[in-house]
Amino acid sequence: MKLWKKISILTTGILLLALGICGSFTIVRMGGYSIGQRVFNEGKQMEGVGYAFEQFCKSNELLEMSGTVKASFLDFQFRKCCGKDYALIQNREPVINLTEFQVSDTGILDKLSPWDSNHPDYEIQKLNHRYILLMARPVEGMEETYILTAKDITQVFTGIEKQAVLFGGVYLLVSFLAAAGIGILTRLALRPLYNLEKASLAISRGQYQERVPVTSRDEIQVVGEAFNQMAEQVETQITQLQEITEKQKMLLGSLTHELKTPMTSIMGYADTLLHVKLQEAQREKALSYIYQECCRLERLSGKMMSLTGLYVNDTIHLTLGSVEELFQRVAHVEKEHLREKEIQFSMDCRMEKIPMDSDLMESLLVNLVDNAIKASRPGGSIWMEAKDHKIEVIDEGRGIPPDEVSKVTEAFYMVDKARTKKEGGIGLGLALCKEIAHIHKASLEIESSPGCGTVARILFTDAYNLFTTS
């Protein structure tokens, strides 16, 4: 059962129980008051007629009368003073009965206390669906003589019953309205819980930014605030996990990307050593190159982890290094690749030294040259220049559409997915280049247009310490 239904039923039940008790108590009290008023009025009336009758009974004329005349006189005076609904009882026998009922049992006289007109004793008997009020008053000066009244007070009980029926109808109407009102108000009051449920379901479906609106300061809203804080922490944790996952994915892609070019060269030299008979000096040179590339790849793996942000360590250091030597190492790495595609490679270095991490900067330029080779046609030309606070790699390749230029530095973005995958790329090269440039306080700019080639430019900031030569 829904919570709002439980609360509504419980609240309505308690309310209706309280109303029922109060209403019943009121009706009983009002009925008792009505009967009490009728008894009081009848008592006062009986006191009056009794007093008048007593005055005749005390007269000297009555004392001098004989039995038959005396009885007739008493009958006359009783009818004159009391009228109907009264009876005269002597020696527990009715001698005069002006009521509508037959007085057969005078045991009521034993139940009555001494007469008090302000608080008279009475008895109510039910006879054939009629309610009869019985009261008795002694007659002073006459032993064992009482005036008995028997009044039909059915209308008093009928009024009480009508009040009870009216209350029952009002009670049912109020019950219906109360149940409906409590149900509606309870649902409105519990609406924040529905918002909480909605937000919980949204978060369970991965919408971690979902929050509960907080509009008041009651207990439910306090729970909502606590839920929002919990959701904030969950979103933060999920975001961090997603970032770590992305960094791990980028690291694996980066290592794969960075291993490809030097491994090609290593495989080439290894193949040469296996199948070509070289002089000792050439053999040592090839082995030395293989060893150097393996050492560089070992260093590069740790630097890639720092570069992708997977964890922070001290593997990246910027030291003053020769740009000319950097260019020579890049040319040496790409020599076989350039030869395979019969591409002319020209270098113009007008910088002496810059603070750099030689492994990362070499990786950056190798990536740029490698992209230029892939974009160039056989027999084309590529230029690598260093001057005026910038290093540029220029090719005459197929170029990049204008609307794609701003996206090429995004991780895993590929302008031509089919061509990129065919050439062994995964879309991480320029993203890594951008990060490496950022470490060296530089920006990576790409200028290109379809069919007109591409210029990849590493632009150093003015605050960066550069040593140039004309």
Protein backbone atom coordinates (compact mmCIF):
# COMPACT_ATOMS: atom_id res chain seq x y z
CA MET A 1 0.00 0.00 0.00
CA LYS A 2 1.22 3.47 -0.86
CA LEU A 3 2.53 5.61 2.00
CA TRP A 4 0.06 8.43 1.29
CA LYS A 5 -2.81 5.93 1.55
CA LYS A 6 -1.57 4.60 4.88
CA ILE A 7 -1.19 8.11 6.29
CA SER A 8 -4.58 9.18 4.90
CA ILE A 9 -6.38 6.14 6.34
CA LEU A 10 -4.69 6.51 9.73
CA THR A 11 -5.33 10.26 9.93
CA THR A 12 -8.92 9.96 8.71
CA GLY A 13 -9.60 7.11 11.14
CA ILE A 14 -8.29 9.08 14.13
CA LEU A 15 -10.19 12.20 13.05
CA LEU A 16 -13.47 10.33 12.53
CA LEU A 17 -13.06 8.51 15.84
CA ALA A 18 -12.55 11.82 17.62
CA LEU A 19 -15.51 13.40 15.82
CA GLY A 20 -17.68 10.37 16.61
CA ILE A 21 -16.82 10.48 20.30
CA CYS A 22 -17.36 14.24 20.50
CA GLY A 23 -20.62 14.05 18.54
CA SER A 24 -21.97 11.16 20.59
CA PHE A 25 -21.01 12.89 23.83
CA THR A 26 -22.71 16.08 22.64
CA ILE A 27 -25.93 14.30 21.65
CA VAL A 28 -26.04 12.42 24.97
CA ARG A 29 -25.43 15.62 26.88
CA MET A 30 -28.03 17.52 24.87
CA GLY A 31 -30.54 14.66 25.36
CA GLY A 32 -29.87 14.62 29.07
CA TYR A 33 -30.27 18.40 29.21
CA SER A 34 -33.60 18.22 27.33
CA ILE A 35 -34.94 15.53 29.66
CA GLY A 36 -33.64 17.41 32.69
CA GLN A 37 -35.37 20.61 31.58
CA ARG A 38 -38.63 18.74 31.03
CA VAL A 39 -38.33 17.12 34.47
CA PHE A 40 -37.57 20.48 36.06
CA ASN A 41 -40.56 22.12 34.39
CA GLU A 42 -42.85 19.26 35.30
CA GLY A 43 -41.54 19.36 38.87
CA LYS A 44 -42.32 23.05 39.17
CA GLN A 45 -45.79 22.51 37.75
CA MET A 46 -46.38 19.61 40.11
CA GLU A 47 -45.26 21.74 43.04
CA GLY A 48 -47.83 24.35 42.07
CA VAL A 49 -50.81 22.05 41.61
CA GLY A 50 -49.82 20.10 44.73
CA TYR A 51 -49.68 23.25 46.84
CA ALA A 52 -53.12 24.36 45.56
CA PHE A 53 -54.61 20.93 46.32
CA GLU A 54 -53.04 20.93 49.78
CA GLN A 55 -54.80 24.19 50.63
CA PHE A 56 -58.21 22.62 50.00
CA CYS A 57 -57.23 19.56 51.95
CA LYS A 58 -56.38 21.67 55.01
CA SER A 59 -59.72 23.52 55.02
CA ASN A 60 -62.14 22.97 57.99
CA GLU A 61 -64.95 22.18 55.60
CA LEU A 62 -63.20 18.99 54.48
CA LEU A 63 -62.76 17.82 58.05
CA GLU A 64 -66.50 18.16 58.80
CA MET A 65 -67.64 16.21 55.70
CA SER A 66 -68.81 12.65 55.74
CA GLY A 67 -67.02 9.92 53.82
CA THR A 68 -69.00 10.01 50.56
CA VAL A 69 -69.25 13.75 50.42
CA LYS A 70 -65.58 14.03 51.35
CA ALA A 71 -64.60 11.73 48.50
CA SER A 72 -66.69 13.69 46.01
CA PHE A 73 -65.22 16.98 47.27
CA LEU A 74 -61.66 15.67 46.94
CA ASP A 75 -62.43 14.42 43.42
CA PHE A 76 -63.86 17.81 42.50
CA GLN A 77 -60.98 19.79 43.97
CA PHE A 78 -58.34 17.39 42.48
CA ARG A 79 -59.79 17.76 38.99
CA LYS A 80 -59.99 21.53 39.51
CA CYS A 81 -56.40 21.90 40.73
CA CYS A 82 -54.52 19.20 38.82
CA GLY A 83 -56.40 18.40 35.66
CA LYS A 84 -55.38 15.56 33.34
CA ASP A 85 -52.15 13.55 33.53
CA TYR A 86 -52.43 13.40 37.34
CA ALA A 87 -53.58 10.72 39.73
CA LEU A 88 -54.25 10.72 43.48
CA ILE A 89 -52.82 7.74 45.37
CA GLN A 90 -54.01 6.80 48.86
CA ASN A 91 -52.72 3.79 50.73
CA ARG A 92 -50.93 2.75 47.49
CA GLU A 93 -54.19 2.58 45.63
CA PRO A 94 -55.24 5.05 42.93
CA VAL A 95 -58.43 6.83 44.08
CA ILE A 96 -58.51 9.40 41.32
CA ASN A 97 -56.82 8.74 37.91
CA LEU A 98 -56.91 11.50 35.32
CA THR A 99 -54.01 10.06 33.25
CA GLU A 100 -54.26 8.18 29.98
CA PHE A 101 -52.81 5.11 31.61
CA GLN A 102 -53.93 2.52 34.09
CA VAL A 103 -52.02 2.83 37.32
CA SER A 104 -51.55 -0.77 38.43
CA ASP A 105 -48.15 -0.62 40.13
CA THR A 106 -47.37 1.98 42.76
CA GLY A 107 -43.93 0.56 43.48
CA ILE A 108 -42.45 3.77 42.10
CA LEU A 109 -43.29 5.40 45.42
CA ASP A 110 -40.60 3.29 47.08
CA LYS A 111 -37.98 4.44 44.59
CA LEU A 112 -38.49 8.14 45.16
CA SER A 113 -36.56 10.24 47.65
CA PRO A 114 -38.21 12.95 49.73
CA TRP A 115 -39.76 15.53 47.46
CA ASP A 116 -37.53 18.40 46.23
CA SER A 117 -39.11 20.65 43.62
CA ASN A 118 -35.70 21.83 42.40
CA HIS A 119 -34.35 18.29 42.02
CA PRO A 120 -37.32 15.97 41.83
CA ASP A 121 -36.86 12.23 41.51
CA TYR A 122 -38.42 10.68 38.44
CA GLU A 123 -38.69 7.53 36.41
CA ILE A 124 -39.13 7.11 32.66
CA GLN A 125 -40.93 4.03 31.38
CA LYS A 126 -41.37 2.95 27.77
CA LEU A 127 -44.91 1.85 26.88
CA ASN A 128 -45.90 0.88 23.32
CA HIS A 129 -43.15 3.02 21.72
CA ARG A 130 -44.09 5.91 24.03
CA TYR A 131 -41.93 7.38 26.77
CA ILE A 132 -43.78 8.16 30.02
CA LEU A 133 -42.37 10.47 32.72
CA LEU A 134 -43.44 9.41 36.22
CA MET A 135 -43.14 11.64 39.30
CA ALA A 136 -44.86 11.53 42.67
CA ARG A 137 -45.32 14.20 45.39
CA PRO A 138 -46.66 13.58 48.92
CA VAL A 139 -49.66 15.61 50.07
CA GLU A 140 -49.01 17.32 53.38
CA GLY A 141 -51.57 16.72 56.07
CA MET A 142 -52.79 13.47 54.54
CA GLU A 143 -50.99 10.24 55.42
CA GLU A 144 -50.07 7.79 52.64
CA THR A 145 -51.44 10.24 50.05
CA TYR A 146 -49.48 11.15 46.89
CA ILE A 147 -50.07 13.08 43.72
CA LEU A 148 -48.71 11.06 40.77
CA THR A 149 -48.09 12.51 37.31
CA ALA A 150 -47.63 10.45 34.12
CA LYS A 151 -46.60 12.71 31.23
CA ASP A 152 -45.96 11.56 27.69
CA ILE A 153 -42.51 12.93 26.77
CA THR A 154 -42.08 10.95 23.56
CA GLN A 155 -41.50 14.19 21.62
CA VAL A 156 -38.36 14.83 23.73
CA PHE A 157 -36.88 11.46 22.71
CA THR A 158 -38.05 12.01 19.13
CA GLY A 159 -36.12 15.28 19.10
CA ILE A 160 -33.07 13.49 20.44
CA GLU A 161 -33.37 10.82 17.76
CA LYS A 162 -33.72 13.49 15.05
CA GLN A 163 -30.57 15.15 16.36
CA ALA A 164 -28.80 11.79 16.27
CA VAL A 165 -29.93 11.14 12.68
CA LEU A 166 -28.88 14.64 11.66
CA PHE A 167 -25.51 14.14 13.29
CA GLY A 168 -25.16 10.79 11.50
CA GLY A 169 -25.78 12.44 8.11
CA VAL A 170 -23.41 15.30 8.85
CA TYR A 171 -20.87 12.79 10.18
CA LEU A 172 -20.97 10.78 6.95
CA LEU A 173 -20.64 13.93 4.82
CA VAL A 174 -17.77 15.22 6.95
CA SER A 175 -16.15 11.77 6.81
CA PHE A 176 -16.25 11.76 3.02
CA LEU A 177 -14.95 15.33 2.72
CA ALA A 178 -12.29 14.71 5.37
CA ALA A 179 -11.10 11.52 3.69
CA ALA A 180 -10.90 13.25 0.30
CA GLY A 181 -9.23 16.37 1.72
CA ILE A 182 -6.73 14.42 3.80
CA GLY A 183 -5.88 12.21 0.82
CA ILE A 184 -5.26 15.21 -1.46
CA LEU A 185 -3.29 17.17 1.15
CA THR A 186 -1.23 14.11 2.07
CA ARG A 187 -0.28 13.55 -1.56
CA LEU A 188 0.68 17.21 -1.86
CA ALA A 189 2.68 17.04 1.35
CA LEU A 190 4.48 13.91 0.16
CA ARG A 191 5.21 15.30 -3.31
CA PRO A 192 8.88 15.85 -2.34
CA LEU A 193 9.10 12.07 -1.78
CA TYR A 194 7.84 11.50 -5.31
CA ASN A 195 10.51 13.94 -6.55
CA LEU A 196 13.03 11.98 -4.50
CA GLU A 197 11.86 8.72 -6.10
CA LYS A 198 12.03 10.30 -9.56
CA ALA A 199 15.56 11.58 -8.94
CA SER A 200 16.65 8.17 -7.60
CA LEU A 201 15.34 6.42 -10.72
CA ALA A 202 17.05 9.01 -12.94
CA ILE A 203 20.37 8.50 -11.15
CA SER A 204 19.97 4.72 -11.43
CA ARG A 205 19.66 5.21 -15.20
CA GLY A 206 22.92 7.14 -15.30
CA GLN A 207 21.58 10.72 -15.08
CA TYR A 208 23.93 11.64 -12.26
CA GLN A 209 23.25 15.38 -12.58
CA GLU A 210 19.63 14.90 -11.41
CA ARG A 211 18.78 16.75 -8.18
CA VAL A 212 15.76 17.14 -5.91
CA PRO A 213 14.24 20.66 -5.75
CA VAL A 214 14.34 22.02 -2.19
CA THR A 215 11.60 24.60 -1.51
CA SER A 216 11.02 24.47 2.26
CA ARG A 217 12.71 23.51 5.52
CA ASP A 218 10.59 20.60 6.75
CA GLU A 219 11.92 17.11 7.49
CA ILE A 220 11.27 15.79 3.98
CA GLN A 221 13.18 18.70 2.46
CA VAL A 222 16.06 18.03 4.87
CA VAL A 223 16.12 14.48 3.49
CA GLY A 224 16.07 16.01 -0.01
CA GLU A 225 19.13 18.14 0.81
CA ALA A 226 20.93 15.09 2.17
CA PHE A 227 19.99 13.20 -0.99
CA ASN A 228 21.36 16.03 -3.15
CA GLN A 229 24.63 15.95 -1.21
CA MET A 230 24.82 12.20 -1.68
CA ALA A 231 24.04 12.57 -5.40
CA GLU A 232 26.74 15.23 -5.66
CA GLN A 233 29.27 12.86 -4.14
CA VAL A 234 28.12 10.01 -6.37
CA GLU A 235 28.38 12.21 -9.45
CA THR A 236 31.85 13.33 -8.39
CA GLN A 237 32.98 9.75 -7.83
CA ILE A 238 31.47 8.58 -11.12
CA THR A 239 33.07 11.52 -12.96
CA GLN A 240 36.44 10.69 -11.43
CA LEU A 241 36.06 7.03 -12.39
CA GLN A 242 35.06 8.02 -15.92
CA GLU A 243 38.06 10.35 -16.13
CA ILE A 244 40.36 7.57 -14.93
CA THR A 245 38.82 5.20 -17.48
CA GLU A 246 39.29 7.76 -20.24
CA LYS A 247 42.86 8.35 -19.12
CA GLN A 248 43.55 4.63 -19.12
CA LYS A 249 42.03 4.32 -22.57
CA MET A 250 44.07 7.29 -23.74
CA LEU A 251 47.22 5.83 -22.18
CA LEU A 252 46.79 2.53 -23.99
CA GLY A 253 46.08 4.36 -27.22
CA SER A 254 49.02 6.70 -26.66
CA LEU A 255 51.45 3.87 -26.01
CA THR A 256 50.17 2.05 -29.07
CA HIS A 257 50.51 5.19 -31.14
CA GLU A 258 53.96 6.08 -29.82
CA LEU A 259 55.28 2.55 -30.17
CA LYS A 260 54.32 2.29 -33.82
CA THR A 261 56.91 4.57 -35.47
CA PRO A 262 59.98 3.55 -33.44
CA MET A 263 58.98 -0.10 -33.62
CA THR A 264 58.86 0.19 -37.40
CA SER A 265 62.43 1.46 -37.37
CA ILE A 266 63.50 -1.16 -34.83
CA MET A 267 61.95 -3.91 -36.93
CA GLY A 268 63.68 -2.51 -40.02
CA TYR A 269 67.11 -2.54 -38.37
CA ALA A 270 66.44 -5.96 -36.84
CA ASP A 271 65.43 -7.32 -40.26
CA THR A 272 68.59 -5.86 -41.74
CA LEU A 273 70.69 -7.52 -39.07
CA LEU A 274 69.01 -10.84 -39.73
CA HIS A 275 69.13 -10.87 -43.51
CA VAL A 276 71.96 -8.54 -44.58
CA LYS A 277 75.64 -9.15 -43.90
CA LEU A 278 76.95 -5.87 -42.48
CA GLN A 279 80.34 -4.64 -41.51
CA GLU A 280 81.09 -4.60 -37.82
CA ALA A 281 80.76 -0.81 -37.58
CA GLN A 282 77.36 -0.84 -39.35
CA ARG A 283 76.20 -3.73 -37.22
CA GLU A 284 77.17 -1.92 -34.01
CA LYS A 285 75.41 1.24 -35.26
CA ALA A 286 72.19 -0.69 -35.93
CA LEU A 287 72.32 -2.39 -32.55
CA SER A 288 73.05 0.93 -30.86
CA TYR A 289 70.01 2.48 -32.54
CA ILE A 290 67.80 -0.42 -31.47
CA TYR A 291 69.07 -0.08 -27.89
CA GLN A 292 68.54 3.71 -27.84
CA GLU A 293 64.99 3.38 -29.19
CA CYS A 294 64.15 0.71 -26.63
CA CYS A 295 65.45 2.94 -23.82
CA ARG A 296 63.44 5.86 -25.20
CA LEU A 297 60.29 3.75 -25.33
CA GLU A 298 60.85 2.67 -21.75
CA ARG A 299 61.12 6.31 -20.65
CA LEU A 300 58.22 7.28 -22.86
CA SER A 301 55.84 4.80 -21.22
CA GLY A 302 56.17 6.52 -17.83
CA LYS A 303 55.92 9.95 -19.40
CA MET A 304 52.77 8.93 -21.25
CA MET A 305 51.15 7.99 -17.93
CA SER A 306 51.95 11.43 -16.54
CA LEU A 307 50.93 13.11 -19.77
CA THR A 308 47.52 11.44 -19.84
CA GLY A 309 47.01 12.36 -16.16
CA LEU A 310 46.65 8.78 -14.91
CA TYR A 311 49.01 9.62 -12.11
CA VAL A 312 51.51 12.33 -11.29
CA ASN A 313 55.18 11.54 -11.03
CA ASP A 314 58.53 13.18 -11.66
CA THR A 315 59.34 11.55 -15.01
CA ILE A 316 58.82 14.75 -17.02
CA HIS A 317 61.68 17.26 -16.70
CA LEU A 318 62.37 20.29 -18.86
CA THR A 319 66.05 20.80 -19.49
CA LEU A 320 67.85 23.03 -21.96
CA GLY A 321 68.24 21.03 -25.17
CA SER A 322 69.50 21.61 -28.72
CA VAL A 323 66.79 22.08 -31.34
CA GLU A 324 69.23 21.11 -34.09
CA GLU A 325 69.93 17.76 -32.43
CA LEU A 326 66.18 17.31 -31.93
CA PHE A 327 65.61 17.84 -35.67
CA GLN A 328 68.35 15.33 -36.49
CA ARG A 329 66.81 12.67 -34.25
CA VAL A 330 63.38 13.20 -35.82
CA ALA A 331 64.84 12.94 -39.31
CA HIS A 332 66.67 9.76 -38.34
CA VAL A 333 63.47 8.18 -36.95
CA GLU A 334 61.46 9.07 -40.06
CA LYS A 335 64.20 8.26 -42.59
CA GLU A 336 62.81 4.87 -43.56
CA HIS A 337 59.23 6.12 -43.64
CA LEU A 338 60.21 9.06 -45.90
CA ARG A 339 62.17 6.79 -48.17
CA GLU A 340 59.28 4.37 -48.59
CA LYS A 341 57.00 7.15 -49.88
CA GLU A 342 59.79 8.93 -51.81
CA ILE A 343 59.16 12.21 -50.01
CA GLN A 344 61.70 15.03 -49.82
CA PHE A 345 62.31 16.24 -46.29
CA SER A 346 63.90 19.66 -45.65
CA MET A 347 64.90 21.21 -42.32
CA ASP A 348 65.64 24.83 -41.42
CA CYS A 349 66.63 25.35 -37.77
CA ARG A 350 67.19 28.90 -36.54
CA MET A 351 66.86 28.09 -32.83
CA GLU A 352 69.71 26.97 -30.67
CA LYS A 353 68.31 25.67 -27.43
CA ILE A 354 64.97 25.56 -25.61
CA PRO A 355 63.85 24.09 -22.25
CA MET A 356 62.25 20.79 -23.19
CA ASP A 357 61.74 17.16 -22.39
CA SER A 358 63.69 15.70 -25.31
CA ASP A 359 61.70 12.43 -25.44
CA LEU A 360 58.33 14.18 -25.49
CA MET A 361 59.39 16.90 -27.89
CA GLU A 362 60.82 14.27 -30.22
CA SER A 363 57.54 12.37 -29.97
CA LEU A 364 55.63 15.56 -30.79
CA LEU A 365 57.65 16.32 -33.93
CA VAL A 366 57.65 12.67 -35.01
CA ASN A 367 53.87 12.69 -34.78
CA LEU A 368 53.60 15.87 -36.85
CA VAL A 369 56.02 14.59 -39.49
CA ASP A 370 54.33 11.19 -39.49
CA ASN A 371 50.93 12.86 -40.13
CA ALA A 372 52.47 14.95 -42.89
CA ILE A 373 53.90 11.81 -44.55
CA LYS A 374 50.50 10.10 -44.38
CA ALA A 375 48.80 13.12 -45.95
CA SER A 376 51.40 13.58 -48.71
CA ARG A 377 51.47 11.98 -52.13
CA PRO A 378 54.55 10.00 -53.23
CA GLY A 379 57.17 12.41 -54.51
CA GLY A 380 55.90 15.29 -52.36
CA SER A 381 57.82 17.54 -50.00
CA ILE A 382 57.77 18.22 -46.27
CA TRP A 383 59.48 21.09 -44.45
CA MET A 384 60.36 21.33 -40.76
CA GLU A 385 61.38 24.83 -39.65
CA ALA A 386 62.29 26.44 -36.32
CA LYS A 387 62.32 30.25 -36.17
CA ASP A 388 60.60 33.24 -34.57
CA HIS A 389 59.31 31.48 -31.42
CA LYS A 390 57.75 28.67 -33.40
CA ILE A 391 58.41 25.28 -34.94
CA GLU A 392 56.43 24.38 -38.07
CA VAL A 393 55.90 21.18 -40.05
CA ILE A 394 54.60 21.97 -43.54
CA ASP A 395 53.35 19.54 -46.17
CA GLU A 396 51.69 19.64 -49.59
CA GLY A 397 49.22 16.88 -48.79
CA ARG A 398 45.46 16.52 -49.18
CA GLY A 399 44.66 19.03 -46.40
CA ILE A 400 41.80 19.15 -43.91
CA PRO A 401 38.28 20.57 -44.45
CA PRO A 402 37.78 23.93 -42.64
CA ASP A 403 35.02 22.62 -40.36
CA GLU A 404 37.27 19.75 -39.22
CA VAL A 405 40.41 21.75 -38.37
CA SER A 406 39.24 22.70 -34.85
CA LYS A 407 38.40 19.06 -34.04
CA VAL A 408 41.59 17.27 -35.08
CA THR A 409 43.25 17.80 -31.69
CA GLU A 410 40.41 15.99 -29.88
CA ALA A 411 41.24 12.52 -28.57
CA PHE A 412 40.16 9.69 -30.89
CA TYR A 413 38.82 12.10 -33.51
CA MET A 414 39.49 11.06 -37.13
CA VAL A 415 38.77 13.22 -40.19
CA ASP A 416 38.68 10.15 -42.45
CA LYS A 417 38.08 7.09 -40.25
CA ALA A 418 38.51 4.58 -43.04
CA ARG A 419 41.82 6.04 -44.24
CA THR A 420 43.11 6.58 -40.70
CA LYS A 421 42.40 2.98 -39.64
CA LYS A 422 43.86 1.68 -42.91
CA GLU A 423 47.08 3.57 -42.14
CA GLY A 424 47.09 2.18 -38.57
CA GLY A 425 45.97 5.34 -36.76
CA ILE A 426 43.58 5.63 -33.84
CA GLY A 427 43.06 9.40 -33.69
CA LEU A 428 45.32 10.16 -30.72
CA GLY A 429 48.40 11.72 -32.38
CA LEU A 430 47.43 15.39 -32.41
CA ALA A 431 45.69 15.12 -29.02
CA LEU A 432 49.00 13.98 -27.52
CA CYS A 433 50.86 16.66 -29.44
CA LYS A 434 48.57 19.30 -27.95
CA GLU A 435 49.27 18.02 -24.41
CA ILE A 436 53.01 17.91 -25.00
CA ALA A 437 52.95 21.46 -26.38
CA HIS A 438 51.02 22.61 -23.31
CA ILE A 439 53.69 21.13 -21.01
CA HIS A 440 56.27 23.20 -22.92
CA LYS A 441 54.17 26.39 -22.49
CA ALA A 442 53.29 26.36 -26.17
CA SER A 443 50.15 26.02 -28.26
CA LEU A 444 49.53 23.76 -31.23
CA GLU A 445 47.94 25.48 -34.21
CA ILE A 446 46.73 23.80 -37.39
CA GLU A 447 46.25 25.68 -40.66
CA SER A 448 44.90 23.70 -43.59
CA SER A 449 42.59 23.67 -46.56
CA PRO A 450 41.64 20.78 -48.85
CA GLY A 451 44.20 20.19 -51.61
CA CYS A 452 46.57 22.90 -50.40
CA GLY A 453 48.47 21.08 -47.67
CA THR A 454 48.73 21.65 -43.92
CA VAL A 455 50.87 23.72 -41.55
CA ALA A 456 51.23 22.32 -38.03
CA ARG A 457 52.70 25.06 -35.84
CA ILE A 458 54.09 24.87 -32.29
CA LEU A 459 53.91 28.45 -31.03
CA PHE A 460 55.88 29.20 -27.86
CA THR A 461 54.79 31.98 -25.47
CA ASP A 462 56.81 35.16 -25.14
CA ALA A 463 57.69 34.27 -21.56
CA TYR A 464 59.33 31.02 -22.68
CA ASN A 465 63.16 31.13 -22.72
CA LEU A 466 64.21 30.63 -26.33
CA PHE A 467 67.68 30.89 -27.80
CA THR A 468 67.60 31.66 -31.53
CA THR A 469 70.21 32.15 -34.22
CA SER A 470 69.88 33.96 -37.51
